[in-house]
């Protein structure tokens, strides 16, 4: 069981562009990312929709569920004034479609 779960609709699955930082020489990019649309309830009761970028290692589970509303077990870490999420791939199940179907590897 995972303590953090992100609920939303899978909108896109992508591979970030690769490159090299000209100042430091460090390589960046080449990571798989899932874009979820989530609903965030505001203080006044309105609902705002937001994109959440989720770093993942196995994109196959997510590609099969594009357009579906899902529950994804996640971990989180601070990133400045925001939070960066990543897929907790060791959770069981690794991804649940909210209609009750589970996507297995």
Protein backbone atom coordinates (compact mmCIF):
# COMPACT_ATOMS: atom_id res chain seq x y z
CA UNK A 1 0.00 0.00 0.00
CA UNK A 2 1.25 3.43 -0.90
CA UNK A 3 0.61 6.55 1.15
CA UNK A 4 0.54 8.97 -1.79
CA UNK A 5 -1.71 8.47 -4.78
CA UNK A 6 -2.18 10.87 -7.67
CA UNK A 7 -5.60 10.73 -9.35
CA UNK A 8 -6.19 12.19 -12.79
CA UNK A 9 -6.49 11.57 -16.53
CA UNK A 10 -3.43 10.53 -18.53
CA UNK A 11 -3.08 13.11 -21.29
CA UNK A 12 0.36 12.39 -22.75
CA UNK A 13 3.43 10.16 -22.49
CA UNK A 14 6.73 11.54 -23.74
CA UNK A 15 10.52 11.27 -23.71
CA UNK A 16 12.26 14.50 -22.70
CA UNK A 17 14.87 15.86 -25.12
CA UNK A 18 18.50 15.05 -24.41
CA UNK A 19 21.31 17.57 -24.40
CA UNK A 20 24.47 18.79 -22.69
CA UNK A 21 24.65 21.87 -20.49
CA UNK A 22 27.17 24.20 -22.17
CA UNK A 23 28.36 25.67 -18.86
CA UNK A 24 28.73 22.50 -16.77
CA UNK A 25 29.03 19.79 -19.41
CA UNK A 26 26.36 17.74 -17.63
CA UNK A 27 24.02 15.63 -19.72
CA UNK A 28 20.29 16.12 -19.21
CA UNK A 29 17.01 14.75 -20.50
CA UNK A 30 16.22 11.36 -21.96
CA UNK A 31 13.67 10.63 -19.20
CA UNK A 32 10.17 9.32 -19.67
CA UNK A 33 7.40 11.54 -18.40
CA UNK A 34 3.64 11.13 -18.08
CA UNK A 35 1.43 14.20 -18.11
CA UNK A 36 -1.68 13.90 -15.95
CA UNK A 37 -4.55 16.36 -15.79
CA UNK A 38 -5.70 16.65 -12.20
CA UNK A 39 -8.46 18.62 -10.52
CA UNK A 40 -7.47 20.94 -7.71
CA UNK A 41 -10.22 22.28 -5.45
CA UNK A 42 -9.79 25.96 -4.66
CA UNK A 43 -10.66 27.73 -1.40
CA UNK A 44 -13.83 29.18 -2.94
CA UNK A 45 -15.07 25.74 -4.00
CA UNK A 46 -14.19 26.12 -7.68
CA UNK A 47 -12.19 23.41 -9.43
CA UNK A 48 -9.03 24.21 -11.39
CA UNK A 49 -7.45 21.72 -13.79
CA UNK A 50 -3.66 21.43 -13.78
CA UNK A 51 -0.99 19.43 -15.56
CA UNK A 52 1.23 17.30 -13.37
CA UNK A 53 4.42 15.90 -14.89
CA UNK A 54 5.22 12.48 -13.47
CA UNK A 55 8.64 10.90 -14.00
CA UNK A 56 8.34 7.19 -14.84
CA UNK A 57 10.65 4.37 -15.83
CA UNK A 58 8.20 2.00 -17.55
CA UNK A 59 6.05 3.92 -20.04
CA UNK A 60 4.26 0.85 -21.43
CA UNK A 61 1.72 0.77 -18.59
CA UNK A 62 0.90 4.42 -19.11
CA UNK A 63 0.76 4.38 -22.92
CA UNK A 64 -1.97 1.74 -22.79
CA UNK A 65 -4.02 3.99 -20.49
CA UNK A 66 -3.83 7.33 -22.35
CA UNK A 67 -7.17 9.11 -21.94
CA UNK A 68 -8.20 7.04 -18.92
CA UNK A 69 -8.77 8.29 -15.38
CA UNK A 70 -6.21 6.55 -13.19
CA UNK A 71 -4.81 6.29 -9.68
CA UNK A 72 -1.02 6.26 -9.63
CA UNK A 73 1.11 5.47 -6.56
CA UNK A 74 3.73 8.20 -6.27
CA UNK A 75 6.60 9.51 -4.25
CA UNK A 76 7.26 13.22 -3.89
CA UNK A 77 10.19 15.52 -3.27
CA UNK A 78 10.48 19.29 -2.88
CA UNK A 79 11.59 21.27 -5.92
CA UNK A 80 11.90 24.93 -4.99
CA UNK A 81 8.40 26.17 -4.19
CA UNK A 82 6.68 23.20 -5.82
CA UNK A 83 6.63 19.42 -5.52
CA UNK A 84 8.10 16.95 -8.02
CA UNK A 85 6.31 13.60 -8.31
CA UNK A 86 7.68 10.28 -9.48
CA UNK A 87 6.00 6.93 -10.06
CA UNK A 88 6.45 4.48 -7.17
CA UNK A 89 7.06 1.50 -9.45
CA UNK A 90 7.39 -0.97 -6.55
CA UNK A 91 3.78 -0.46 -5.45
CA UNK A 92 1.23 -3.15 -6.16
CA UNK A 93 -0.69 -2.45 -8.34
CA UNK A 94 1.59 -0.08 -10.27
CA UNK A 95 -1.37 1.69 -11.92
CA UNK A 96 -5.14 1.44 -11.45
CA UNK A 97 -7.74 2.60 -13.95
CA UNK A 98 -10.47 4.16 -11.81
CA UNK A 99 -13.26 2.08 -13.33
CA UNK A 100 -11.80 -0.73 -11.21
CA UNK A 101 -9.59 -2.37 -13.84
CA UNK A 102 -5.93 -2.78 -12.99
CA UNK A 103 -3.24 -2.49 -15.66
CA UNK A 104 -0.65 -5.20 -15.05
CA UNK A 105 2.87 -5.35 -16.46
